[in-house]
């Protein structure tokens, strides 16, 4: 599924789930609106298709990890801090 097709799907999913925007990331997961923002951040920074989206813990914080596959088949894992929306190196 291409990035352009995934973002509206993710937005619809967030509305269906009804994740409150004020909910903070914790052991229960990451609010859907923050996951969508993370996907949009990756989509604007990397060309390709989304292969996978995961929530990972690193250094005692939850990160959204998005795997992007480019036109040559190369995979790139991009981690985003869901609270700031910034790509984490």
PDB file of N, CA and C in Angstrom:
ATOM      1  N   UNK A   1       0.852  -1.173   0.000  1.00  0.00           N
ATOM      2  CA  UNK A   1       0.000   0.000   0.000  1.00  0.00           C
ATOM      3  C   UNK A   1       0.895   1.232   0.000  1.00  0.00           C
ATOM      4  N   UNK A   2       0.629   2.158  -0.879  1.00  0.00           N
ATOM      5  CA  UNK A   2       1.469   3.345  -0.965  1.00  0.00           C
ATOM      6  C   UNK A   2       1.207   4.267   0.219  1.00  0.00           C
ATOM      7  N   UNK A   3       2.169   5.141   0.470  1.00  0.00           N
ATOM      8  CA  UNK A   3       2.059   6.090   1.574  1.00  0.00           C
ATOM      9  C   UNK A   3       0.826   6.956   1.400  1.00  0.00           C
ATOM     10  N   UNK A   4       0.579   7.419   0.187  1.00  0.00           N
ATOM     11  CA  UNK A   4      -0.573   8.298  -0.053  1.00  0.00           C
ATOM     12  C   UNK A   4      -1.892   7.608   0.222  1.00  0.00           C
ATOM     13  N   UNK A   5      -1.945   6.302   0.039  1.00  0.00           N
ATOM     14  CA  UNK A   5      -3.176   5.566   0.322  1.00  0.00           C
ATOM     15  C   UNK A   5      -3.265   5.200   1.794  1.00  0.00           C
ATOM     16  N   UNK A   6      -2.122   5.065   2.471  1.00  0.00           N
ATOM     17  CA  UNK A   6      -2.112   4.657   3.868  1.00  0.00           C
ATOM     18  C   UNK A   6      -2.542   5.779   4.802  1.00  0.00           C
ATOM     19  N   UNK A   7      -2.138   7.007   4.522  1.00  0.00           N
ATOM     20  CA  UNK A   7      -2.432   8.110   5.439  1.00  0.00           C
ATOM     21  C   UNK A   7      -3.928   8.324   5.617  1.00  0.00           C
ATOM     22  N   UNK A   8      -4.750   8.391   4.546  1.00  0.00           N
ATOM     23  CA  UNK A   8      -6.198   8.519   4.776  1.00  0.00           C
ATOM     24  C   UNK A   8      -6.770   7.326   5.522  1.00  0.00           C
ATOM     25  N   UNK A   9      -6.254   6.127   5.230  1.00  0.00           N
ATOM     26  CA  UNK A   9      -6.708   4.943   5.940  1.00  0.00           C
ATOM     27  C   UNK A   9      -6.407   5.058   7.428  1.00  0.00           C
ATOM     28  N   UNK A  10      -5.197   5.500   7.744  1.00  0.00           N
ATOM     29  CA  UNK A  10      -4.812   5.656   9.146  1.00  0.00           C
ATOM     30  C   UNK A  10      -5.662   6.720   9.825  1.00  0.00           C
ATOM     31  N   UNK A  11      -5.978   7.796   9.120  1.00  0.00           N
ATOM     32  CA  UNK A  11      -6.832   8.844   9.688  1.00  0.00           C
ATOM     33  C   UNK A  11      -8.230   8.305   9.978  1.00  0.00           C
ATOM     34  N   UNK A  12      -8.765   7.526   9.058  1.00  0.00           N
ATOM     35  CA  UNK A  12     -10.080   6.925   9.272  1.00  0.00           C
ATOM     36  C   UNK A  12     -10.050   5.962  10.447  1.00  0.00           C
ATOM     37  N   UNK A  13      -8.963   5.221  10.573  1.00  0.00           N
ATOM     38  CA  UNK A  13      -8.814   4.293  11.690  1.00  0.00           C
ATOM     39  C   UNK A  13      -8.810   5.039  13.016  1.00  0.00           C
ATOM     40  N   UNK A  14      -8.109   6.156  13.056  1.00  0.00           N
ATOM     41  CA  UNK A  14      -8.059   6.946  14.290  1.00  0.00           C
ATOM     42  C   UNK A  14      -9.436   7.451  14.676  1.00  0.00           C
ATOM     43  N   UNK A  15     -10.209   7.886  13.688  1.00  0.00           N
ATOM     44  CA  UNK A  15     -11.562   8.357  13.988  1.00  0.00           C
ATOM     45  C   UNK A  15     -12.444   7.217  14.471  1.00  0.00           C
ATOM     46  N   UNK A  16     -12.276   6.049  13.868  1.00  0.00           N
ATOM     47  CA  UNK A  16     -13.071   4.894  14.272  1.00  0.00           C
ATOM     48  C   UNK A  16     -12.723   4.446  15.678  1.00  0.00           C
ATOM     49  N   UNK A  17     -11.444   4.501  16.009  1.00  0.00           N
ATOM     50  CA  UNK A  17     -10.995   4.087  17.335  1.00  0.00           C
ATOM     51  C   UNK A  17     -11.366   5.131  18.372  1.00  0.00           C
ATOM     52  N   UNK A  18     -11.356   6.392  17.956  1.00  0.00           N
ATOM     53  CA  UNK A  18     -11.707   7.471  18.862  1.00  0.00           C
ATOM     54  C   UNK A  18     -10.633   7.756  19.892  1.00  0.00           C
ATOM     55  N   UNK A  19      -9.380   7.703  19.493  1.00  0.00           N
ATOM     56  CA  UNK A  19      -8.275   7.946  20.425  1.00  0.00           C
ATOM     57  C   UNK A  19      -8.246   9.413  20.832  1.00  0.00           C
ATOM     58  N   UNK A  20      -8.300   9.684  22.126  1.00  0.00           N
ATOM     59  CA  UNK A  20      -8.250  11.082  22.556  1.00  0.00           C
ATOM     60  C   UNK A  20      -6.878  11.685  22.329  1.00  0.00           C
ATOM     61  N   UNK A  21      -6.851  12.928  21.848  1.00  0.00           N
ATOM     62  CA  UNK A  21      -5.587  13.588  21.538  1.00  0.00           C
ATOM     63  C   UNK A  21      -4.783  13.898  22.788  1.00  0.00           C
ATOM     64  N   UNK A  22      -5.436  13.969  23.941  1.00  0.00           N
ATOM     65  CA  UNK A  22      -4.726  14.339  25.162  1.00  0.00           C
ATOM     66  C   UNK A  22      -4.064  13.148  25.834  1.00  0.00           C
ATOM     67  N   UNK A  23      -4.352  11.947  25.384  1.00  0.00           N
ATOM     68  CA  UNK A  23      -3.793  10.750  25.997  1.00  0.00           C
ATOM     69  C   UNK A  23      -2.297  10.663  25.704  1.00  0.00           C
ATOM     70  N   UNK A  24      -1.501  10.439  26.699  1.00  0.00           N
ATOM     71  CA  UNK A  24      -0.051  10.355  26.527  1.00  0.00           C
ATOM     72  C   UNK A  24       0.371   8.934  26.183  1.00  0.00           C
ATOM     73  N   UNK A  25       1.523   8.818  25.526  1.00  0.00           N
ATOM     74  CA  UNK A  25       2.075   7.504  25.224  1.00  0.00           C
ATOM     75  C   UNK A  25       2.520   6.845  26.522  1.00  0.00           C
ATOM     76  N   UNK A  26       2.161   5.588  26.689  1.00  0.00           N
ATOM     77  CA  UNK A  26       2.570   4.839  27.874  1.00  0.00           C
ATOM     78  C   UNK A  26       2.524   3.352  27.564  1.00  0.00           C
ATOM     79  N   UNK A  27       2.494   2.510  28.592  1.00  0.00           N
ATOM     80  CA  UNK A  27       2.514   1.063  28.395  1.00  0.00           C
ATOM     81  C   UNK A  27       1.289   0.542  27.644  1.00  0.00           C
ATOM     82  N   UNK A  28       0.241   1.332  27.557  1.00  0.00           N
ATOM     83  CA  UNK A  28      -0.957   0.904  26.839  1.00  0.00           C
ATOM     84  C   UNK A  28      -0.837   1.155  25.351  1.00  0.00           C
ATOM     85  N   UNK A  29       0.201   1.853  24.941  1.00  0.00           N
ATOM     86  CA  UNK A  29       0.386   2.123  23.529  1.00  0.00           C
ATOM     87  C   UNK A  29       0.517   3.602  23.249  1.00  0.00           C
ATOM     88  N   UNK A  30       0.305   3.956  21.998  1.00  0.00           N
ATOM     89  CA  UNK A  30       0.431   5.332  21.534  1.00  0.00           C
ATOM     90  C   UNK A  30      -0.912   5.730  20.926  1.00  0.00           C
ATOM     91  N   UNK A  31      -1.412   6.926  21.237  1.00  0.00           N
ATOM     92  CA  UNK A  31      -2.679   7.364  20.649  1.00  0.00           C
ATOM     93  C   UNK A  31      -2.626   7.345  19.118  1.00  0.00           C
ATOM     94  N   UNK A  32      -3.729   6.975  18.505  1.00  0.00           N
ATOM     95  CA  UNK A  32      -3.794   6.826  17.050  1.00  0.00           C
ATOM     96  C   UNK A  32      -3.418   8.101  16.322  1.00  0.00           C
ATOM     97  N   UNK A  33      -3.818   9.266  16.844  1.00  0.00           N
ATOM     98  CA  UNK A  33      -3.489  10.511  16.146  1.00  0.00           C
ATOM     99  C   UNK A  33      -1.979  10.748  16.115  1.00  0.00           C
ATOM    100  N   UNK A  34      -1.267  10.302  17.140  1.00  0.00           N
ATOM    101  CA  UNK A  34       0.185  10.446  17.161  1.00  0.00           C
ATOM    102  C   UNK A  34       0.847   9.459  16.191  1.00  0.00           C
ATOM    103  N   UNK A  35       0.263   8.281  16.045  1.00  0.00           N
ATOM    104  CA  UNK A  35       0.784   7.306  15.079  1.00  0.00           C
ATOM    105  C   UNK A  35       0.598   7.859  13.665  1.00  0.00           C
ATOM    106  N   UNK A  36      -0.555   8.450  13.396  1.00  0.00           N
ATOM    107  CA  UNK A  36      -0.814   9.032  12.072  1.00  0.00           C
ATOM    108  C   UNK A  36       0.172  10.154  11.782  1.00  0.00           C
ATOM    109  N   UNK A  37       0.416  11.009  12.769  1.00  0.00           N
ATOM    110  CA  UNK A  37       1.383  12.090  12.597  1.00  0.00           C
ATOM    111  C   UNK A  37       2.766  11.527  12.293  1.00  0.00           C
ATOM    112  N   UNK A  38       3.145  10.455  12.986  1.00  0.00           N
ATOM    113  CA  UNK A  38       4.451   9.823  12.741  1.00  0.00           C
ATOM    114  C   UNK A  38       4.532   9.284  11.315  1.00  0.00           C
ATOM    115  N   UNK A  39       3.469   8.647  10.845  1.00  0.00           N
ATOM    116  CA  UNK A  39       3.441   8.116   9.479  1.00  0.00           C
ATOM    117  C   UNK A  39       3.546   9.262   8.474  1.00  0.00           C
ATOM    118  N   UNK A  40       2.830  10.347   8.712  1.00  0.00           N
ATOM    119  CA  UNK A  40       2.892  11.504   7.816  1.00  0.00           C
ATOM    120  C   UNK A  40       4.294  12.108   7.793  1.00  0.00           C
ATOM    121  N   UNK A  41       4.945  12.151   8.950  1.00  0.00           N
ATOM    122  CA  UNK A  41       6.317  12.665   9.026  1.00  0.00           C
ATOM    123  C   UNK A  41       7.253  11.830   8.169  1.00  0.00           C
ATOM    124  N   UNK A  42       7.142  10.510   8.295  1.00  0.00           N
ATOM    125  CA  UNK A  42       7.991   9.608   7.508  1.00  0.00           C
ATOM    126  C   UNK A  42       7.655   9.728   6.025  1.00  0.00           C
ATOM    127  N   UNK A  43       6.367   9.817   5.691  1.00  0.00           N
ATOM    128  CA  UNK A  43       5.962   9.916   4.284  1.00  0.00           C
ATOM    129  C   UNK A  43       6.506  11.169   3.619  1.00  0.00           C
ATOM    130  N   UNK A  44       6.619  12.251   4.372  1.00  0.00           N
ATOM    131  CA  UNK A  44       7.149  13.482   3.783  1.00  0.00           C
ATOM    132  C   UNK A  44       8.672  13.456   3.669  1.00  0.00           C
ATOM    133  N   UNK A  45       9.328  12.597   4.429  1.00  0.00           N
ATOM    134  CA  UNK A  45      10.790  12.541   4.426  1.00  0.00           C
ATOM    135  C   UNK A  45      11.358  11.414   3.567  1.00  0.00           C
ATOM    136  N   UNK A  46      10.547  10.393   3.263  1.00  0.00           N
ATOM    137  CA  UNK A  46      11.043   9.218   2.531  1.00  0.00           C
ATOM    138  C   UNK A  46      10.034   8.800   1.466  1.00  0.00           C
ATOM    139  N   UNK A  47      10.517   8.622   0.245  1.00  0.00           N
ATOM    140  CA  UNK A  47       9.686   8.134  -0.848  1.00  0.00           C
ATOM    141  C   UNK A  47       9.602   6.617  -0.779  1.00  0.00           C
ATOM    142  N   UNK A  48       8.443   6.064  -1.057  1.00  0.00           N
ATOM    143  CA  UNK A  48       8.293   4.613  -1.099  1.00  0.00           C
ATOM    144  C   UNK A  48       6.980   4.169  -0.499  1.00  0.00           C
ATOM    145  N   UNK A  49       6.895   2.887  -0.275  1.00  0.00           N
ATOM    146  CA  UNK A  49       5.710   2.263   0.289  1.00  0.00           C
ATOM    147  C   UNK A  49       5.948   1.889   1.751  1.00  0.00           C
ATOM    148  N   UNK A  50       4.906   2.003   2.543  1.00  0.00           N
ATOM    149  CA  UNK A  50       4.982   1.591   3.939  1.00  0.00           C
ATOM    150  C   UNK A  50       4.832   0.076   3.990  1.00  0.00           C
ATOM    151  N   UNK A  51       5.806  -0.576   4.599  1.00  0.00           N
ATOM    152  CA  UNK A  51       5.755  -2.030   4.742  1.00  0.00           C
ATOM    153  C   UNK A  51       5.221  -2.419   6.112  1.00  0.00           C
ATOM    154  N   UNK A  52       5.606  -1.626   7.130  1.00  0.00           N
ATOM    155  CA  UNK A  52       5.275  -2.022   8.496  1.00  0.00           C
ATOM    156  C   UNK A  52       5.282  -0.796   9.394  1.00  0.00           C
ATOM    157  N   UNK A  53       4.408  -0.809  10.391  1.00  0.00           N
ATOM    158  CA  UNK A  53       4.403   0.221  11.429  1.00  0.00           C
ATOM    159  C   UNK A  53       4.350  -0.504  12.768  1.00  0.00           C
ATOM    160  N   UNK A  54       5.291  -0.190  13.641  1.00  0.00           N
ATOM    161  CA  UNK A  54       5.355  -0.825  14.953  1.00  0.00           C
ATOM    162  C   UNK A  54       5.557   0.226  16.029  1.00  0.00           C
ATOM    163  N   UNK A  55       5.196  -0.132  17.240  1.00  0.00           N
ATOM    164  CA  UNK A  55       5.506   0.690  18.402  1.00  0.00           C
ATOM    165  C   UNK A  55       6.613  -0.035  19.149  1.00  0.00           C
ATOM    166  N   UNK A  56       7.759   0.625  19.291  1.00  0.00           N
ATOM    167  CA  UNK A  56       8.915   0.039  19.953  1.00  0.00           C
ATOM    168  C   UNK A  56       9.313   0.889  21.142  1.00  0.00           C
ATOM    169  N   UNK A  57       9.918   0.248  22.122  1.00  0.00           N
ATOM    170  CA  UNK A  57      10.439   0.978  23.273  1.00  0.00           C
ATOM    171  C   UNK A  57      11.957   1.064  23.154  1.00  0.00           C
ATOM    172  N   UNK A  58      12.484   2.281  23.314  1.00  0.00           N
ATOM    173  CA  UNK A  58      13.926   2.494  23.284  1.00  0.00           C
ATOM    174  C   UNK A  58      14.244   3.570  24.316  1.00  0.00           C
ATOM    175  N   UNK A  59      15.206   3.278  25.168  1.00  0.00           N
ATOM    176  CA  UNK A  59      15.607   4.220  26.220  1.00  0.00           C
ATOM    177  C   UNK A  59      14.409   4.664  27.066  1.00  0.00           C
ATOM    178  N   UNK A  60      13.568   3.700  27.419  1.00  0.00           N
ATOM    179  CA  UNK A  60      12.397   3.934  28.279  1.00  0.00           C
ATOM    180  C   UNK A  60      11.363   4.882  27.685  1.00  0.00           C
ATOM    181  N   UNK A  61      11.286   4.961  26.367  1.00  0.00           N
ATOM    182  CA  UNK A  61      10.216   5.734  25.739  1.00  0.00           C
ATOM    183  C   UNK A  61       9.697   4.973  24.527  1.00  0.00           C
ATOM    184  N   UNK A  62       8.440   5.191  24.228  1.00  0.00           N
ATOM    185  CA  UNK A  62       7.824   4.534  23.087  1.00  0.00           C
ATOM    186  C   UNK A  62       8.090   5.345  21.830  1.00  0.00           C
ATOM    187  N   UNK A  63       8.430   4.643  20.746  1.00  0.00           N
ATOM    188  CA  UNK A  63       8.671   5.265  19.445  1.00  0.00           C
ATOM    189  C   UNK A  63       7.836   4.547  18.404  1.00  0.00           C
ATOM    190  N   UNK A  64       7.418   5.280  17.383  1.00  0.00           N
ATOM    191  CA  UNK A  64       6.730   4.677  16.247  1.00  0.00           C
ATOM    192  C   UNK A  64       7.796   4.368  15.208  1.00  0.00           C
ATOM    193  N   UNK A  65       7.920   3.092  14.840  1.00  0.00           N
ATOM    194  CA  UNK A  65       8.914   2.667  13.852  1.00  0.00           C
ATOM    195  C   UNK A  65       8.181   2.335  12.555  1.00  0.00           C
ATOM    196  N   UNK A  66       8.525   3.039  11.511  1.00  0.00           N
ATOM    197  CA  UNK A  66       7.890   2.863  10.209  1.00  0.00           C
ATOM    198  C   UNK A  66       8.929   2.307   9.244  1.00  0.00           C
ATOM    199  N   UNK A  67       8.618   1.204   8.601  1.00  0.00           N
ATOM    200  CA  UNK A  67       9.513   0.618   7.599  1.00  0.00           C
ATOM    201  C   UNK A  67       9.015   1.033   6.222  1.00  0.00           C
ATOM    202  N   UNK A  68       9.907   1.671   5.455  1.00  0.00           N
ATOM    203  CA  UNK A  68       9.592   2.146   4.116  1.00  0.00           C
ATOM    204  C   UNK A  68      10.414   1.349   3.114  1.00  0.00           C
ATOM    205  N   UNK A  69       9.767   0.929   2.019  1.00  0.00           N
ATOM    206  CA  UNK A  69      10.462   0.226   0.939  1.00  0.00           C
ATOM    207  C   UNK A  69      10.483   1.155  -0.271  1.00  0.00           C
ATOM    208  N   UNK A  70      11.709   1.460  -0.769  1.00  0.00           N
ATOM    209  CA  UNK A  70      11.811   2.367  -1.922  1.00  0.00           C
ATOM    210  C   UNK A  70      11.622   1.599  -3.231  1.00  0.00           C
ATOM    211  N   UNK A  71      11.687   2.308  -4.347  1.00  0.00           N
ATOM    212  CA  UNK A  71      11.438   1.725  -5.664  1.00  0.00           C
ATOM    213  C   UNK A  71      12.436   0.624  -6.024  1.00  0.00           C
ATOM    214  N   UNK A  72      13.627   0.646  -5.410  1.00  0.00           N
ATOM    215  CA  UNK A  72      14.638  -0.377  -5.673  1.00  0.00           C
ATOM    216  C   UNK A  72      14.523  -1.572  -4.731  1.00  0.00           C
ATOM    217  N   UNK A  73      13.545  -1.529  -3.819  1.00  0.00           N
ATOM    218  CA  UNK A  73      13.349  -2.629  -2.886  1.00  0.00           C
ATOM    219  C   UNK A  73      14.146  -2.500  -1.601  1.00  0.00           C
ATOM    220  N   UNK A  74      14.819  -1.375  -1.419  1.00  0.00           N
ATOM    221  CA  UNK A  74      15.591  -1.158  -0.192  1.00  0.00           C
ATOM    222  C   UNK A  74      14.660  -0.738   0.942  1.00  0.00           C
ATOM    223  N   UNK A  75      14.861  -1.345   2.099  1.00  0.00           N
ATOM    224  CA  UNK A  75      14.050  -1.029   3.271  1.00  0.00           C
ATOM    225  C   UNK A  75      14.777  -0.054   4.185  1.00  0.00           C
ATOM    226  N   UNK A  76      14.024   0.901   4.705  1.00  0.00           N
ATOM    227  CA  UNK A  76      14.557   1.858   5.667  1.00  0.00           C
ATOM    228  C   UNK A  76      13.618   1.895   6.858  1.00  0.00           C
ATOM    229  N   UNK A  77      14.181   1.715   8.049  1.00  0.00           N
ATOM    230  CA  UNK A  77      13.387   1.835   9.272  1.00  0.00           C
ATOM    231  C   UNK A  77      13.577   3.237   9.823  1.00  0.00           C
ATOM    232  N   UNK A  78      12.474   3.924  10.040  1.00  0.00           N
ATOM    233  CA  UNK A  78      12.523   5.291  10.536  1.00  0.00           C
ATOM    234  C   UNK A  78      11.754   5.324  11.846  1.00  0.00           C
ATOM    235  N   UNK A  79      12.401   5.849  12.886  1.00  0.00           N
ATOM    236  CA  UNK A  79      11.755   5.959  14.199  1.00  0.00           C
ATOM    237  C   UNK A  79      11.329   7.401  14.435  1.00  0.00           C
ATOM    238  N   UNK A  80      10.116   7.557  14.970  1.00  0.00           N
ATOM    239  CA  UNK A  80       9.566   8.878  15.239  1.00  0.00           C
ATOM    240  C   UNK A  80       9.110   8.929  16.699  1.00  0.00           C
ATOM    241  N   UNK A  81       9.449   9.998  17.387  1.00  0.00           N
ATOM    242  CA  UNK A  81       8.945  10.232  18.737  1.00  0.00           C
ATOM    243  C   UNK A  81       7.499  10.699  18.575  1.00  0.00           C
ATOM    244  N   UNK A  82       6.524   9.918  19.040  1.00  0.00           N
ATOM    245  CA  UNK A  82       5.133  10.261  18.811  1.00  0.00           C
ATOM    246  C   UNK A  82       4.666  11.516  19.540  1.00  0.00           C
ATOM    247  N   UNK A  83       5.346  11.875  20.612  1.00  0.00           N
ATOM    248  CA  UNK A  83       4.934  13.067  21.362  1.00  0.00           C
ATOM    249  C   UNK A  83       5.418  14.350  20.703  1.00  0.00           C
ATOM    250  N   UNK A  84       6.566  14.294  20.022  1.00  0.00           N
ATOM    251  CA  UNK A  84       7.097  15.488  19.363  1.00  0.00           C
ATOM    252  C   UNK A  84       6.875  15.471  17.856  1.00  0.00           C
ATOM    253  N   UNK A  85       6.663  14.286  17.288  1.00  0.00           N
ATOM    254  CA  UNK A  85       6.508  14.151  15.851  1.00  0.00           C
ATOM    255  C   UNK A  85       7.828  14.256  15.103  1.00  0.00           C
ATOM    256  N   UNK A  86       8.943  14.203  15.826  1.00  0.00           N
ATOM    257  CA  UNK A  86      10.264  14.343  15.220  1.00  0.00           C
ATOM    258  C   UNK A  86      10.909  12.979  14.959  1.00  0.00           C
ATOM    259  N   UNK A  87      11.651  12.887  13.848  1.00  0.00           N
ATOM    260  CA  UNK A  87      12.400  11.667  13.533  1.00  0.00           C
ATOM    261  C   UNK A  87      13.546  11.556  14.533  1.00  0.00           C
ATOM    262  N   UNK A  88      13.732  10.340  15.064  1.00  0.00           N
ATOM    263  CA  UNK A  88      14.761  10.063  16.057  1.00  0.00           C
ATOM    264  C   UNK A  88      15.879   9.306  15.376  1.00  0.00           C
ATOM    265  N   UNK A  89      17.086   9.753  15.542  1.00  0.00           N
ATOM    266  CA  UNK A  89      18.255   9.074  14.943  1.00  0.00           C
ATOM    267  C   UNK A  89      18.669   7.893  15.777  1.00  0.00           C
TER     268      UNK A  89
END
